[in-house]
Amino acid sequence: MRLNLSHNTISGDIPPELAASPSLVFLSLSHNKLSGHIPDTFAGSKAPSSSSLKESITGTYNLAVLELSHNSLDGPIPESLSGLQKLQVVDLAGNRLNGTIPNKLGSLADLKTLDLSGNALTGEIPASLSNLTTSLQAFNVSNNNLSGAVPASLAQKFGPSAFAGNIQLCGYSASVPCPTSPSPSPSAPASPAQSREATGRHRKFTTKELALIIAGIVVGILLFLALCCMLLCFLTKKRSGSGGKQTTSSKAAGGGAGAAAGGGRGEKPGSGAAEVESGGEVGGKLVHFDGPMAFTADDLLCATAEIMGKSTYGTVYKATLEDGSLVAVKRLREKITKGHKDFESEAAVLGKIRHPNLLPLRAYYLGPKGEKLLVLDFMPNGSLSQFLHARAPNTPISWETRMTIAKGTARGLAFLHDDMTIVHGNLTASNVLLDDHSNPKIADFGLSRLMTTAANSNVLAAAGALGYRAPELSKLKKASAKTDVYSLGVIILELLTGKSPAETTNGMDLPQWVASIVKEEWTSEVFDLELMRDGDNGPAGDELVDTLKLALHCVDQSPSVRPDAREVLRQLEQIRPGPEGGAGPSEEGGAGHVAAASAGNE
């Protein structure tokens, strides 16, 4: 029996009733809103007799395919999955799973696909997984918090992209070698008498005692943090009156340290002027772009925050300031950014860039302990990836909207390449955000300027895991305008087909799959069925086919054959004339763009 409920809006825990049928061989609950733990009991268990949240799906002991990716599942990966000896596919990517990778997964002799990417897993990759090197055809643990050395056989077979985004992993690439350390000096073994004595002194705690101890520690830490936040906010409010007066007088006088560091106050937004503020009670340094400061460092660090997502570069939060306004805050991972001087120099360039199809950098904060935060506009409609693949049923996306997104993305990329001479290097649907009118804004442009070489190598590898990386990057290791155009072509294919590039079909990535269908002259089967049912609002004439040809041109294996971003935009506007979907470069920023362009290539 096969059960496929993927790409819906199913929420709550995984129901224990799924364990009732031993005849179930295929289960896909991917791209939903499921939460809670993956049920944890032994394989082959009987149907559940209660409504306990921890009943098992592993009772389906004939299960061959288990797809739970892109939900909000948390907790550890249950070791009991190893009891499903017929498993061939395990896809748990894009959840919030934590803990270590179970060692017993190495006993699944028939396993062909294991995808654990995009979680919060810790610890080392079990050596037992090397036993699966022969059977495994796809393996991915990228974008977790794993550490230690990667088993050599896995690194050799699956390459860097399978392990990227784990800052403490090593040995999976020549650019990320493992450190050598001297062998520990041997010590004399303990005598039996000493062992018995030690055992007597150290009584093992029961599970209940351990739970109480851990709960007490957690509660104590939470109370301490809450007290610190209350004290910090109290001090912030206490100084807000005098702080406001001081800022006003500083502006009037046209002097002060902040005015000098910012190049003088009173410049128009978009002119590239930066305003520098000390970190107040919390220390550090906050640098604003675009005119008067909207918030202080204390305001920013006292804001309530909600995690929106994680990437190789860091974690993105939705922050609600005291006045109710929303901003997006990206906390960059430690030890992957350049030093303070180079970081500030590059951030100053990025802070000047303004274009309707680019997400602007509004401010950055350097903390006293080395923390680095980027402050950006909050986009309530989320990313293009969410818009396409995580929407509610019966919410079709029109052809007009898809073309608006394609043209806006091409317009923003053309501006980066031609006006700013900046290569993005990590263009994906997750980095294209949408405003209230579905106009796209490219995010994360220029971030590679702030990062170390090793961190940028991880980003390129992660892009490959997601299906957006140009083939030549596996050798060149340096992004270019042509590799950006390849990524743009994949995004256009994504808009045309409705398929995620992260999902392979018969071992083919999205460009390969589309090319194979076109070669067989079944072109109509490529397109998203929604576009074929769009009626009067659908594509006219050859618009679909012409856009498909352009996208395939962008993803050509030869970089020299690919058009530049400006040519892609010109052809899209020729295929579907209409609103610009965003102003051109001359409508915003003016001289600020020209000044920043001298920073050179990324």
Protein backbone atom coordinates (compact mmCIF):
# COMPACT_ATOMS: atom_id res chain seq x y z
CA MET A 1 0.00 0.00 0.00
CA ARG A 2 1.23 3.52 -0.88
CA LEU A 3 0.21 6.69 0.98
CA ASN A 4 1.24 10.06 -0.46
CA LEU A 5 -0.06 13.15 1.40
CA SER A 6 2.81 15.46 0.48
CA HIS A 7 2.47 19.19 -0.37
CA ASN A 8 -0.59 19.86 1.78
CA THR A 9 -1.13 21.84 4.98
CA ILE A 10 -1.47 18.92 7.39
CA SER A 11 -0.50 19.99 10.90
CA GLY A 12 -0.06 18.41 14.33
CA ASP A 13 1.77 15.23 15.27
CA ILE A 14 2.20 12.20 13.03
CA PRO A 15 -0.82 10.03 13.93
CA PRO A 16 -0.03 6.68 15.57
CA GLU A 17 -2.60 4.98 13.33
CA LEU A 18 0.00 5.00 10.57
CA ALA A 19 1.67 2.12 12.41
CA ALA A 20 -1.39 -0.10 12.05
CA SER A 21 -0.77 -1.44 8.54
CA PRO A 22 2.22 -3.72 7.99
CA SER A 23 1.38 -3.64 4.26
CA LEU A 24 2.37 0.04 3.94
CA VAL A 25 5.45 0.24 1.71
CA PHE A 26 5.47 3.95 0.74
CA LEU A 27 4.77 6.88 3.06
CA SER A 28 5.25 10.51 2.03
CA LEU A 29 4.22 13.37 4.33
CA SER A 30 6.72 15.87 2.93
CA HIS A 31 6.02 19.61 2.61
CA ASN A 32 3.35 19.85 5.31
CA LYS A 33 3.20 21.52 8.71
CA LEU A 34 3.70 18.49 10.92
CA SER A 35 5.29 18.97 14.33
CA GLY A 36 6.35 16.93 17.33
CA HIS A 37 8.69 13.94 17.39
CA ILE A 38 9.06 11.17 14.86
CA PRO A 39 7.22 8.33 16.68
CA ASP A 40 9.61 6.09 18.54
CA THR A 41 8.99 2.39 19.21
CA PHE A 42 10.37 -0.85 17.84
CA ALA A 43 9.89 -1.96 14.25
CA GLY A 44 7.18 -4.53 13.83
CA SER A 45 5.16 -3.32 16.82
CA LYS A 46 1.46 -3.95 16.92
CA ALA A 47 -1.17 -1.37 16.11
CA PRO A 48 -1.43 1.26 18.85
CA SER A 49 -4.03 0.76 21.55
CA SER A 50 -3.88 4.31 22.88
CA SER A 51 -3.54 7.88 21.59
CA SER A 52 -0.03 8.34 22.96
CA LEU A 53 2.03 10.84 20.98
CA LYS A 54 5.00 8.50 20.98
CA GLU A 55 3.42 5.53 19.21
CA SER A 56 5.42 4.25 16.30
CA ILE A 57 5.21 4.38 12.54
CA THR A 58 7.98 1.84 12.58
CA GLY A 59 5.41 -0.89 13.03
CA THR A 60 5.10 -0.69 9.25
CA TYR A 61 7.92 -3.18 8.93
CA ASN A 62 7.53 -3.52 5.13
CA LEU A 63 8.13 0.20 4.67
CA ALA A 64 10.56 0.94 1.84
CA VAL A 65 10.12 4.71 1.41
CA LEU A 66 9.79 7.17 4.31
CA GLU A 67 9.57 10.83 3.28
CA LEU A 68 8.97 13.36 6.09
CA SER A 69 10.98 16.28 4.70
CA HIS A 70 10.13 19.98 4.99
CA ASN A 71 7.95 19.92 8.10
CA SER A 72 8.62 21.17 11.64
CA LEU A 73 9.44 17.84 13.26
CA ASP A 74 11.79 18.03 16.23
CA GLY A 75 13.48 15.73 18.70
CA PRO A 76 15.96 12.96 17.86
CA ILE A 77 15.96 10.52 14.96
CA PRO A 78 14.61 7.31 16.54
CA GLU A 79 17.07 4.43 16.60
CA SER A 80 14.15 2.08 16.01
CA LEU A 81 14.15 3.11 12.34
CA SER A 82 16.98 0.61 12.00
CA GLY A 83 14.36 -2.10 12.51
CA LEU A 84 12.83 -1.26 9.14
CA GLN A 85 15.22 -3.48 7.22
CA LYS A 86 13.43 -2.96 3.89
CA LEU A 87 13.94 0.81 3.92
CA GLN A 88 15.38 2.16 0.68
CA VAL A 89 14.63 5.88 1.05
CA VAL A 90 14.77 7.97 4.26
CA ASP A 91 14.20 11.69 3.64
CA LEU A 92 14.01 13.80 6.82
CA ALA A 93 15.45 17.02 5.34
CA GLY A 94 14.29 20.50 6.30
CA ASN A 95 12.98 19.83 9.81
CA ARG A 96 14.21 20.75 13.31
CA LEU A 97 15.59 17.38 14.31
CA ASN A 98 18.33 17.41 16.93
CA GLY A 99 20.57 14.96 18.71
CA THR A 100 23.01 12.63 16.97
CA ILE A 101 22.67 10.45 13.89
CA PRO A 102 21.82 6.94 15.17
CA ASN A 103 24.70 4.52 14.73
CA LYS A 104 22.27 1.70 13.93
CA LEU A 105 21.21 3.30 10.65
CA GLY A 106 24.35 1.68 9.26
CA SER A 107 22.55 -1.68 9.45
CA LEU A 108 20.00 -0.74 6.75
CA ALA A 109 21.60 -2.77 3.98
CA ASP A 110 19.06 -1.83 1.28
CA LEU A 111 19.20 1.93 1.90
CA LYS A 112 19.69 3.92 -1.32
CA THR A 113 18.82 7.47 -0.20
CA LEU A 114 19.51 9.12 3.16
CA ASP A 115 18.80 12.87 3.37
CA LEU A 116 19.15 14.49 6.80
CA SER A 117 20.07 17.99 5.55
CA GLY A 118 18.72 21.23 6.99
CA ASN A 119 18.23 20.12 10.60
CA ALA A 120 20.07 20.79 13.88
CA LEU A 121 21.85 17.46 14.25
CA THR A 122 25.03 17.37 16.32
CA GLY A 123 27.91 15.01 16.98
CA GLU A 124 29.93 13.00 14.49
CA ILE A 125 28.78 11.13 11.38
CA PRO A 126 28.70 7.48 12.54
CA ALA A 127 31.43 5.31 11.05
CA SER A 128 28.79 2.61 10.56
CA LEU A 129 27.33 4.59 7.65
CA SER A 130 30.46 3.65 5.70
CA ASN A 131 28.92 0.17 5.51
CA LEU A 132 26.30 1.63 3.18
CA THR A 133 28.70 3.17 0.66
CA THR A 134 27.95 0.47 -1.91
CA SER A 135 24.15 0.65 -1.67
CA LEU A 136 23.73 4.40 -1.11
CA GLN A 137 23.06 6.43 -4.25
CA ALA A 138 22.18 9.73 -2.54
CA PHE A 139 23.44 11.02 0.81
CA ASN A 140 23.12 14.51 2.31
CA VAL A 141 23.79 15.83 5.82
CA SER A 142 24.49 19.46 4.83
CA ASN A 143 23.41 22.45 6.93
CA ASN A 144 23.43 20.86 10.38
CA ASN A 145 25.75 21.32 13.38
CA LEU A 146 27.79 18.15 12.88
CA SER A 147 31.43 17.95 13.92
CA GLY A 148 34.49 15.77 13.55
CA ALA A 149 35.93 13.91 10.58
CA VAL A 150 33.76 12.68 7.70
CA PRO A 151 34.22 8.96 6.96
CA ALA A 152 36.57 8.79 3.98
CA SER A 153 34.39 6.50 1.85
CA LEU A 154 31.38 8.82 2.17
CA ALA A 155 33.45 11.92 1.41
CA GLN A 156 34.94 10.31 -1.68
CA LYS A 157 31.61 9.12 -3.10
CA PHE A 158 29.32 12.09 -2.39
CA GLY A 159 31.65 15.09 -2.46
CA PRO A 160 31.64 18.38 -0.50
CA SER A 161 28.03 19.37 -1.25
CA ALA A 162 26.72 16.52 0.92
CA PHE A 163 28.50 17.93 3.99
CA ALA A 164 28.51 21.72 3.46
CA GLY A 165 27.11 24.03 6.11
CA ASN A 166 28.61 22.13 9.06
CA ILE A 167 31.31 24.51 10.27
CA GLN A 168 32.94 21.94 12.57
CA LEU A 169 33.05 19.09 10.04
CA CYS A 170 36.36 18.33 8.35
CA GLY A 171 37.97 15.95 5.91
CA TYR A 172 35.31 16.07 3.19
CA SER A 173 37.28 18.38 0.91
CA ALA A 174 40.89 19.32 0.30
CA SER A 175 40.02 22.86 1.41
CA VAL A 176 38.68 21.60 4.78
CA PRO A 177 41.34 19.22 6.14
CA CYS A 178 41.14 17.77 9.62
CA PRO A 179 43.68 19.13 12.13
CA THR A 180 46.41 16.77 13.24
CA SER A 181 46.87 16.24 16.97
CA PRO A 182 49.47 14.22 18.93
CA SER A 183 48.40 10.85 20.26
CA PRO A 184 47.54 10.87 23.97
CA SER A 185 50.13 9.30 26.25
CA PRO A 186 49.16 5.83 27.41
CA SER A 187 48.06 5.47 31.00
CA ALA A 188 48.19 2.47 33.25
CA PRO A 189 44.95 0.51 33.42
CA ALA A 190 43.04 0.67 36.67
CA SER A 191 43.23 -2.35 38.93
CA PRO A 192 40.06 -4.33 39.67
CA ALA A 193 40.12 -3.00 43.22
CA GLN A 194 40.33 0.59 41.98
CA SER A 195 37.48 -0.05 39.54
CA ARG A 196 35.24 -1.40 42.28
CA GLU A 197 36.13 1.55 44.51
CA ALA A 198 35.31 4.05 41.75
CA THR A 199 32.05 2.28 41.03
CA GLY A 200 31.07 2.51 44.66
CA ARG A 201 31.83 6.22 44.81
CA HIS A 202 29.90 7.13 41.62
CA ARG A 203 26.35 5.84 41.87
CA LYS A 204 24.43 6.02 38.57
CA PHE A 205 21.41 8.31 38.56
CA THR A 206 18.02 6.95 37.57
CA THR A 207 16.22 8.36 34.52
CA LYS A 208 13.76 10.18 36.80
CA GLU A 209 16.57 11.76 38.82
CA LEU A 210 18.38 12.88 35.67
CA ALA A 211 15.16 14.40 34.30
CA LEU A 212 14.61 16.38 37.51
CA ILE A 213 18.22 17.62 37.54
CA ILE A 214 18.07 18.71 33.89
CA ALA A 215 14.68 20.39 34.41
CA GLY A 216 16.05 22.31 37.40
CA ILE A 217 19.07 23.49 35.43
CA VAL A 218 16.92 24.59 32.46
CA VAL A 219 14.46 26.48 34.68
CA GLY A 220 17.34 28.20 36.47
CA ILE A 221 18.94 29.30 33.20
CA LEU A 222 15.61 30.59 31.83
CA LEU A 223 14.94 32.57 35.01
CA PHE A 224 18.42 34.07 34.87
CA LEU A 225 18.02 35.07 31.20
CA ALA A 226 14.58 36.56 31.85
CA LEU A 227 15.98 38.60 34.74
CA CYS A 228 18.84 39.87 32.54
CA CYS A 229 16.40 40.89 29.78
CA MET A 230 14.14 42.71 32.26
CA LEU A 231 17.12 44.55 33.74
CA LEU A 232 18.44 45.48 30.30
CA CYS A 233 15.07 46.79 29.09
CA PHE A 234 14.62 48.74 32.36
CA LEU A 235 18.00 50.41 31.92
CA THR A 236 17.17 51.14 28.27
CA LYS A 237 13.89 52.87 29.16
CA LYS A 238 15.60 54.74 31.98
CA ARG A 239 18.13 56.29 29.63
CA SER A 240 15.75 56.78 26.66
CA GLY A 241 14.69 60.28 27.73
CA SER A 242 18.20 61.66 28.13
CA GLY A 243 19.42 59.64 25.15
CA GLY A 244 16.81 61.22 22.86
CA LYS A 245 17.79 64.72 23.97
CA GLN A 246 21.44 63.96 23.44
CA THR A 247 20.80 62.77 19.86
CA THR A 248 18.80 65.91 19.08
CA SER A 249 21.48 68.24 20.38
CA SER A 250 24.14 66.28 18.52
CA LYS A 251 22.24 66.74 15.26
CA ALA A 252 21.76 70.42 15.89
CA ALA A 253 25.42 70.95 16.61
CA GLY A 254 26.43 68.92 13.58
CA GLY A 255 29.19 67.31 15.60
CA GLY A 256 29.81 64.52 18.05
CA ALA A 257 31.49 61.15 17.56
CA GLY A 258 28.48 59.64 15.84
CA ALA A 259 28.25 62.45 13.33
CA ALA A 260 31.93 62.29 12.51
CA ALA A 261 31.93 58.52 12.04
CA GLY A 262 28.84 58.70 9.86
CA GLY A 263 30.25 61.30 7.51
CA GLY A 264 27.83 63.99 8.76
CA ARG A 265 24.10 63.77 9.44
CA GLY A 266 21.28 65.15 7.34
CA GLU A 267 22.05 63.32 4.08
CA LYS A 268 19.12 61.95 2.11
CA PRO A 269 18.19 58.27 2.36
CA GLY A 270 19.91 56.23 -0.31
CA SER A 271 22.86 58.57 -0.53
CA GLY A 272 25.09 56.04 1.19
CA ALA A 273 25.51 58.03 4.43
CA ALA A 274 26.01 55.85 7.50
CA GLU A 275 25.07 56.78 11.07
CA VAL A 276 27.16 55.21 13.81
CA GLU A 277 25.90 54.67 17.34
CA SER A 278 27.64 53.11 20.30
CA GLY A 279 25.98 50.01 21.70
CA GLY A 280 24.52 51.83 24.73
CA GLU A 281 24.06 49.61 27.77
CA VAL A 282 25.00 46.48 25.82
CA GLY A 283 28.21 47.76 24.24
CA GLY A 284 29.28 47.15 20.67
CA LYS A 285 28.62 49.29 17.63
CA LEU A 286 25.50 49.84 15.50
CA VAL A 287 25.84 51.35 12.01
CA HIS A 288 22.69 52.61 10.24
CA PHE A 289 22.21 53.42 6.57
CA ASP A 290 19.36 55.52 5.08
CA GLY A 291 19.05 58.61 7.24
CA PRO A 292 17.84 58.97 10.86
CA MET A 293 18.15 56.01 13.18
CA ALA A 294 14.91 54.10 13.65
CA PHE A 295 16.18 52.11 16.65
CA THR A 296 19.12 51.81 18.99
CA ALA A 297 21.33 48.82 19.71
CA ASP A 298 19.46 48.35 22.99
CA ASP A 299 16.13 48.37 21.11
CA LEU A 300 17.45 45.76 18.69
CA LEU A 301 18.79 43.39 21.34
CA CYS A 302 15.65 43.76 23.50
CA ALA A 303 13.37 42.90 20.55
CA THR A 304 11.36 39.69 20.65
CA ALA A 305 12.76 37.28 18.06
CA GLU A 306 11.40 34.31 16.16
CA ILE A 307 13.62 32.02 14.08
CA MET A 308 12.68 32.16 10.39
CA GLY A 309 15.39 29.93 8.97
CA LYS A 310 19.01 28.81 8.95
CA SER A 311 21.65 28.76 6.26
CA THR A 312 25.37 28.22 5.85
CA TYR A 313 25.95 31.88 6.68
CA GLY A 314 23.83 32.00 9.84
CA THR A 315 20.35 32.22 11.37
CA VAL A 316 17.60 34.65 10.33
CA TYR A 317 15.15 36.03 12.91
CA LYS A 318 11.95 38.03 12.68
CA ALA A 319 12.45 40.75 15.29
CA THR A 320 9.60 42.82 16.74
CA LEU A 321 10.85 46.15 18.08
CA GLU A 322 9.28 47.94 21.05
CA ASP A 323 7.18 50.17 18.76
CA GLY A 324 5.74 47.10 17.00
CA SER A 325 7.72 47.46 13.78
CA LEU A 326 9.27 44.36 12.22
CA VAL A 327 12.76 43.82 10.85
CA ALA A 328 14.67 40.76 9.71
CA VAL A 329 17.93 40.13 11.57
CA LYS A 330 20.58 37.75 10.23
CA ARG A 331 23.04 36.62 12.89
CA LEU A 332 26.17 35.50 11.09
CA ARG A 333 27.89 32.37 12.32
CA GLU A 334 31.00 32.90 14.38
CA LYS A 335 34.45 32.30 12.91
CA ILE A 336 33.29 32.47 9.28
CA THR A 337 33.38 36.24 8.77
CA LYS A 338 36.32 38.48 7.96
CA GLY A 339 38.00 40.60 10.63
CA HIS A 340 36.30 43.76 11.89
CA LYS A 341 38.17 46.17 9.62
CA ASP A 342 37.53 44.26 6.38
CA PHE A 343 33.98 43.43 7.47
CA GLU A 344 33.09 47.08 8.06
CA SER A 345 34.68 48.16 4.78
CA GLU A 346 32.68 45.64 2.74
CA ALA A 347 29.46 46.26 4.71
CA ALA A 348 29.76 49.98 3.93
CA VAL A 349 29.69 49.13 0.21
CA LEU A 350 26.67 46.83 0.56
CA GLY A 351 24.84 49.46 2.63
CA LYS A 352 24.87 51.86 -0.33
CA ILE A 353 23.20 49.51 -2.81
CA ARG A 354 19.57 50.34 -3.52
CA HIS A 355 17.31 48.85 -6.21
CA PRO A 356 13.60 47.89 -6.18
CA ASN A 357 14.46 44.22 -6.81
CA LEU A 358 17.20 43.94 -4.16
CA LEU A 359 16.65 43.56 -0.40
CA PRO A 360 18.60 46.46 1.14
CA LEU A 361 20.98 46.26 4.09
CA ARG A 362 19.55 48.77 6.60
CA ALA A 363 22.08 48.42 9.41
CA TYR A 364 24.66 46.16 10.98
CA TYR A 365 25.72 45.57 14.59
CA LEU A 366 29.10 44.47 15.91
CA GLY A 367 28.82 43.06 19.43
CA PRO A 368 31.44 43.28 22.18
CA LYS A 369 32.05 39.52 21.99
CA GLY A 370 32.42 39.37 18.21
CA GLU A 371 28.72 39.01 17.34
CA LYS A 372 27.79 40.28 13.87
CA LEU A 373 24.15 41.08 13.00
CA LEU A 374 22.74 42.33 9.69
CA VAL A 375 19.42 44.23 9.79
CA LEU A 376 17.18 43.98 6.71
CA ASP A 377 13.60 44.72 5.68
CA PHE A 378 11.09 42.08 6.81
CA MET A 379 9.19 40.49 3.90
CA PRO A 380 5.87 39.11 5.22
CA ASN A 381 5.22 37.00 2.10
CA GLY A 382 8.39 35.00 2.63
CA SER A 383 10.54 33.45 -0.07
CA LEU A 384 9.76 32.31 -3.59
CA SER A 385 10.50 28.75 -2.47
CA GLN A 386 7.76 28.95 0.18
CA PHE A 387 5.44 30.73 -2.26
CA LEU A 388 5.76 27.90 -4.80
CA HIS A 389 6.12 24.79 -2.67
CA ALA A 390 4.51 25.45 0.74
CA ARG A 391 1.25 27.20 -0.19
CA ALA A 392 -2.20 26.09 0.79
CA PRO A 393 -4.24 23.90 -1.60
CA ASN A 394 -6.40 25.63 -4.20
CA THR A 395 -4.21 28.74 -4.27
CA PRO A 396 -2.93 28.77 -7.85
CA ILE A 397 -0.22 31.16 -9.03
CA SER A 398 -1.09 32.91 -12.28
CA TRP A 399 1.18 33.13 -15.32
CA GLU A 400 1.25 36.92 -14.95
CA THR A 401 2.55 36.60 -11.37
CA ARG A 402 5.19 34.05 -12.37
CA MET A 403 6.45 36.28 -15.16
CA THR A 404 6.51 39.29 -12.82
CA ILE A 405 8.75 37.29 -10.48
CA ALA A 406 10.99 36.07 -13.32
CA LYS A 407 11.43 39.55 -14.79
CA GLY A 408 12.01 41.20 -11.41
CA THR A 409 14.63 38.63 -10.45
CA ALA A 410 16.40 39.06 -13.80
CA ARG A 411 16.22 42.85 -13.41
CA GLY A 412 17.80 42.76 -9.95
CA LEU A 413 20.53 40.37 -11.09
CA ALA A 414 21.29 42.46 -14.19
CA PHE A 415 21.70 45.52 -11.95
CA LEU A 416 24.11 43.66 -9.67
CA HIS A 417 26.19 42.48 -12.63
CA ASP A 418 26.18 45.58 -14.83
CA ASP A 419 25.88 48.52 -12.42
CA MET A 420 27.59 47.12 -9.32
CA THR A 421 29.95 44.49 -10.83
CA ILE A 422 28.88 42.15 -8.02
CA VAL A 423 28.39 38.40 -8.40
CA HIS A 424 25.71 36.93 -6.13
CA GLY A 425 27.15 33.42 -5.89
CA ASN A 426 24.19 31.85 -4.05
CA LEU A 427 21.04 32.70 -6.02
CA THR A 428 18.22 30.31 -5.06
CA ALA A 429 14.45 30.53 -4.70
CA SER A 430 14.99 30.79 -0.94
CA ASN A 431 17.00 33.98 -1.52
CA VAL A 432 14.27 35.61 -3.63
CA LEU A 433 11.78 37.29 -1.26
CA LEU A 434 8.36 38.65 -2.25
CA ASP A 435 6.64 41.88 -1.23
CA ASP A 436 2.88 42.43 -0.89
CA HIS A 437 2.49 42.62 -4.69
CA SER A 438 4.64 39.56 -5.45
CA ASN A 439 7.49 41.74 -6.66
CA PRO A 440 10.76 39.88 -6.01
CA LYS A 441 13.67 41.20 -3.96
CA ILE A 442 16.96 39.32 -4.14
CA ALA A 443 18.50 38.74 -0.70
CA ASP A 444 22.01 37.76 0.44
CA PHE A 445 23.73 39.51 -2.46
CA GLY A 446 27.32 40.44 -1.67
CA LEU A 447 27.44 38.37 1.53
CA SER A 448 30.45 36.47 0.23
CA ARG A 449 32.40 39.74 0.57
CA LEU A 450 31.95 39.51 4.35
CA MET A 451 33.02 35.87 4.65
CA THR A 452 36.18 33.80 4.71
CA THR A 453 37.17 31.68 1.72
CA ALA A 454 36.28 28.45 3.54
CA ALA A 455 32.77 29.71 4.34
CA ASN A 456 32.18 30.65 0.70
CA SER A 457 33.26 27.18 -0.41
CA ASN A 458 30.60 25.73 1.89
CA VAL A 459 27.96 28.01 0.37
CA LEU A 460 28.81 26.92 -3.17
CA ALA A 461 28.59 23.29 -2.08
CA ALA A 462 25.22 23.88 -0.41
CA ALA A 463 23.89 25.50 -3.60
CA GLY A 464 24.84 22.30 -5.41
CA ALA A 465 22.90 20.22 -2.90
CA LEU A 466 19.82 22.37 -3.55
CA GLY A 467 20.10 22.05 -7.34
CA TYR A 468 21.05 25.63 -8.28
CA ARG A 469 24.82 25.31 -8.75
CA ALA A 470 26.32 25.55 -12.23
CA PRO A 471 28.28 22.40 -13.19
CA GLU A 472 31.60 24.22 -13.69
CA LEU A 473 31.64 25.24 -10.00
CA SER A 474 32.56 21.69 -9.01
CA LYS A 475 36.01 22.44 -10.46
CA LEU A 476 36.44 26.22 -10.54
CA LYS A 477 35.24 26.92 -6.97
CA LYS A 478 34.64 30.58 -7.88
CA ALA A 479 31.26 32.00 -8.80
CA SER A 480 30.84 34.28 -11.82
CA ALA A 481 28.11 36.20 -13.63
CA LYS A 482 27.57 33.12 -15.82
CA THR A 483 27.06 30.84 -12.80
CA ASP A 484 24.49 33.35 -11.50
CA VAL A 485 22.67 33.14 -14.86
CA TYR A 486 22.61 29.35 -14.51
CA SER A 487 20.90 29.75 -11.12
CA LEU A 488 18.46 32.24 -12.67
CA GLY A 489 17.63 29.68 -15.35
CA VAL A 490 16.88 27.06 -12.68
CA ILE A 491 14.53 29.52 -10.94
CA ILE A 492 12.69 30.17 -14.24
CA LEU A 493 12.36 26.39 -14.74
CA GLU A 494 11.01 26.18 -11.19
CA LEU A 495 8.36 28.79 -12.06
CA LEU A 496 7.43 26.93 -15.26
CA THR A 497 7.27 23.41 -13.82
CA GLY A 498 6.27 23.96 -10.19
CA LYS A 499 8.98 21.42 -9.25
CA SER A 500 11.63 22.00 -6.60
CA PRO A 501 15.23 21.70 -7.87
CA ALA A 502 16.12 19.89 -4.65
CA GLU A 503 13.98 16.92 -5.74
CA THR A 504 15.58 14.68 -8.34
CA THR A 505 13.58 12.59 -10.82
CA ASN A 506 15.07 9.22 -11.79
CA GLY A 507 18.46 10.52 -10.69
CA MET A 508 18.19 13.66 -12.85
CA ASP A 509 18.23 17.23 -11.57
CA LEU A 510 15.59 19.72 -12.76
CA PRO A 511 17.45 21.01 -15.88
CA GLN A 512 18.32 17.45 -16.92
CA TRP A 513 14.75 16.24 -16.42
CA VAL A 514 13.28 19.13 -18.45
CA ALA A 515 15.81 18.57 -21.24
CA SER A 516 14.96 14.85 -21.37
CA ILE A 517 11.23 15.59 -21.69
CA VAL A 518 11.80 18.17 -24.41
CA LYS A 519 14.07 15.75 -26.28
CA GLU A 520 11.23 13.22 -26.39
CA GLU A 521 8.95 15.96 -27.77
CA TRP A 522 6.62 15.74 -24.77
CA THR A 523 7.14 19.41 -23.98
CA SER A 524 3.61 20.01 -22.65
CA GLU A 525 4.28 17.53 -19.82
CA VAL A 526 6.97 19.83 -18.43
CA PHE A 527 4.66 22.67 -17.44
CA ASP A 528 2.82 23.08 -14.15
CA LEU A 529 -0.77 21.92 -14.66
CA GLU A 530 -1.99 25.17 -13.10
CA LEU A 531 -0.68 27.06 -16.13
CA MET A 532 -2.62 24.83 -18.49
CA ARG A 533 -5.85 25.59 -16.57
CA ASP A 534 -5.32 29.34 -16.28
CA GLY A 535 -7.96 30.26 -18.88
CA ASP A 536 -8.01 33.86 -20.07
CA ASN A 537 -5.27 34.80 -17.57
CA GLY A 538 -2.95 32.11 -18.87
CA PRO A 539 -0.03 32.33 -21.28
CA ALA A 540 -0.81 33.53 -24.78
CA GLY A 541 0.53 31.93 -27.96
CA ASP A 542 4.05 30.57 -27.58
CA GLU A 543 4.86 32.35 -24.29
CA LEU A 544 5.35 29.11 -22.35
CA VAL A 545 7.54 27.47 -24.97
CA ASP A 546 9.58 30.63 -25.59
CA THR A 547 10.20 31.06 -21.85
CA LEU A 548 11.20 27.39 -21.60
CA LYS A 549 13.71 27.80 -24.44
CA LEU A 550 15.20 30.83 -22.70
CA ALA A 551 15.51 28.96 -19.39
CA LEU A 552 17.24 26.02 -21.09
CA HIS A 553 19.60 28.50 -22.75
CA CYS A 554 20.48 29.83 -19.26
CA VAL A 555 21.29 26.34 -17.92
CA ASP A 556 23.45 25.31 -20.87
CA GLN A 557 26.43 23.23 -19.76
CA SER A 558 28.79 25.67 -21.50
CA PRO A 559 29.09 29.02 -19.66
CA SER A 560 30.02 30.86 -22.87
CA VAL A 561 26.70 29.90 -24.47
CA ARG A 562 24.59 31.32 -21.65
CA PRO A 563 23.17 34.84 -22.14
CA ASP A 564 23.96 37.58 -19.66
CA ALA A 565 21.31 38.67 -17.14
CA ARG A 566 20.44 41.82 -19.08
CA GLU A 567 19.72 39.74 -22.21
CA VAL A 568 17.54 37.36 -20.17
CA LEU A 569 15.53 40.36 -18.95
CA ARG A 570 15.19 41.73 -22.49
CA GLN A 571 13.86 38.43 -23.83
CA LEU A 572 11.43 37.97 -20.91
CA GLU A 573 10.01 41.44 -21.52
CA GLN A 574 9.72 40.63 -25.21
CA ILE A 575 7.89 37.36 -24.46
CA ARG A 576 5.45 38.96 -22.00
CA PRO A 577 5.35 42.76 -22.27
CA GLY A 578 3.91 44.40 -19.19
CA PRO A 579 4.65 46.35 -16.02
CA GLU A 580 8.27 46.63 -15.05
CA GLY A 581 7.67 45.05 -11.65
CA GLY A 582 10.17 47.45 -10.15
CA ALA A 583 11.94 50.64 -11.09
CA GLY A 584 15.14 50.68 -13.07
CA PRO A 585 18.45 51.67 -11.59
CA SER A 586 17.99 55.33 -12.42
CA GLU A 587 14.89 55.65 -10.24
CA GLU A 588 16.53 55.11 -6.88
CA GLY A 589 19.95 55.62 -5.43
CA GLY A 590 21.58 57.63 -8.21
CA ALA A 591 25.12 58.59 -7.30
CA GLY A 592 25.23 56.07 -4.48
CA HIS A 593 25.22 53.28 -7.04
CA VAL A 594 28.09 54.69 -9.05
CA ALA A 595 30.22 55.31 -5.97
CA ALA A 596 29.72 51.78 -4.70
CA ALA A 597 30.43 50.23 -8.09
CA SER A 598 34.11 51.00 -7.73
CA ALA A 599 34.42 48.27 -5.09
CA GLY A 600 35.04 45.75 -7.89
CA ASN A 601 34.04 42.15 -8.43
CA GLU A 602 32.95 39.81 -5.71
